[in-house]
Amino acid sequence: MRTIANPKNNKTAGIVRLVVLVILLANQAIVSLGYNPLPFSEDQIYEGVSTLALTASAIYTWYRNNNVTKVAEEAQVVLERKKANK
């Protein structure tokens, strides 16, 4: 079942993307001037990003592969019934 997009959500998403773009452009301008705005080494940044990516991936995988919501539990029951009838 496909839902119709909510225009308010589209507007919010567009504003968030614009804010992120402005922040990234400002950061790039500061870096181009020779100033490092982040007080971290490249290794520390790499470790932090890797840890965040691993955590997000683990949570997403767990959520997608488990029946966490009531609707998912009901769908699993229907699936098991269909498999049993074959």
Protein backbone atom coordinates (compact mmCIF):
# COMPACT_ATOMS: atom_id res chain seq x y z
CA MET A 1 0.00 0.00 0.00
CA ARG A 2 1.45 3.32 -1.03
CA THR A 3 0.59 6.45 0.93
CA ILE A 4 0.27 9.92 -0.49
CA ALA A 5 3.07 12.26 0.59
CA ASN A 6 2.15 14.93 3.09
CA PRO A 7 3.02 18.39 1.66
CA LYS A 8 3.93 19.63 5.15
CA ASN A 9 6.50 16.81 5.50
CA ASN A 10 7.93 17.68 2.07
CA LYS A 11 8.33 21.31 3.11
CA THR A 12 10.02 20.33 6.37
CA ALA A 13 12.36 17.94 4.56
CA GLY A 14 13.26 20.66 2.08
CA ILE A 15 14.05 23.11 4.86
CA VAL A 16 16.21 20.55 6.67
CA ARG A 17 18.15 19.83 3.47
CA LEU A 18 18.66 23.57 2.91
CA VAL A 19 19.95 24.11 6.46
CA VAL A 20 22.35 21.16 6.13
CA LEU A 21 23.57 22.51 2.79
CA VAL A 22 24.22 25.97 4.26
CA ILE A 23 26.12 24.48 7.20
CA LEU A 24 28.24 22.34 4.87
CA LEU A 25 28.98 25.28 2.58
CA ALA A 26 30.01 27.43 5.55
CA ASN A 27 32.22 24.64 6.85
CA GLN A 28 33.87 24.20 3.45
CA ALA A 29 34.54 27.94 3.21
CA ILE A 30 36.18 27.91 6.65
CA VAL A 31 38.32 24.89 5.72
CA SER A 32 39.33 26.58 2.43
CA LEU A 33 40.63 29.54 4.44
CA GLY A 34 42.97 27.19 6.30
CA TYR A 35 41.12 26.96 9.60
CA ASN A 36 40.14 23.56 10.99
CA PRO A 37 36.77 24.04 12.75
CA LEU A 38 36.78 20.52 14.20
CA PRO A 39 39.19 19.89 17.08
CA PHE A 40 39.54 16.22 16.13
CA SER A 41 42.15 14.30 14.18
CA GLU A 42 41.18 12.46 11.00
CA ASP A 43 41.54 9.14 12.82
CA GLN A 44 39.12 10.25 15.55
CA ILE A 45 36.61 11.45 12.96
CA TYR A 46 36.93 8.15 11.05
CA GLU A 47 36.37 6.11 14.22
CA GLY A 48 33.35 8.22 15.21
CA VAL A 49 31.70 8.01 11.80
CA SER A 50 32.40 4.28 11.61
CA THR A 51 30.88 3.73 15.04
CA LEU A 52 27.78 5.75 14.14
CA ALA A 53 27.38 3.89 10.83
CA LEU A 54 27.74 0.52 12.56
CA THR A 55 25.24 1.44 15.27
CA ALA A 56 22.69 2.77 12.77
CA SER A 57 23.12 -0.30 10.57
CA ALA A 58 22.72 -2.68 13.51
CA ILE A 59 19.56 -0.96 14.76
CA TYR A 60 18.05 -0.81 11.26
CA THR A 61 18.84 -4.47 10.57
CA TRP A 62 17.40 -5.54 13.91
CA TYR A 63 14.24 -3.50 13.34
CA ARG A 64 13.71 -4.74 9.77
CA ASN A 65 14.27 -8.40 10.63
CA ASN A 66 12.10 -8.54 13.73
CA ASN A 67 8.39 -8.11 14.17
CA VAL A 68 8.55 -5.06 16.42
CA THR A 69 5.22 -3.44 15.62
CA LYS A 70 1.73 -4.86 16.13
CA VAL A 71 1.10 -4.68 12.37
CA ALA A 72 4.26 -6.70 11.69
CA GLU A 73 3.21 -9.35 14.20
CA GLU A 74 -0.20 -9.64 12.52
CA ALA A 75 1.41 -9.89 9.08
CA GLN A 76 3.67 -12.67 10.35
CA VAL A 77 0.64 -14.65 11.54
CA VAL A 78 -1.01 -14.26 8.12
CA LEU A 79 2.22 -15.35 6.39
CA GLU A 80 2.56 -18.43 8.59
CA ARG A 81 -1.07 -19.40 7.88
CA LYS A 82 -0.52 -19.07 4.14
CA LYS A 83 2.64 -21.20 4.32
CA ALA A 84 0.81 -23.85 6.35
CA ASN A 85 -2.00 -24.07 3.75
CA LYS A 86 0.38 -24.88 0.86
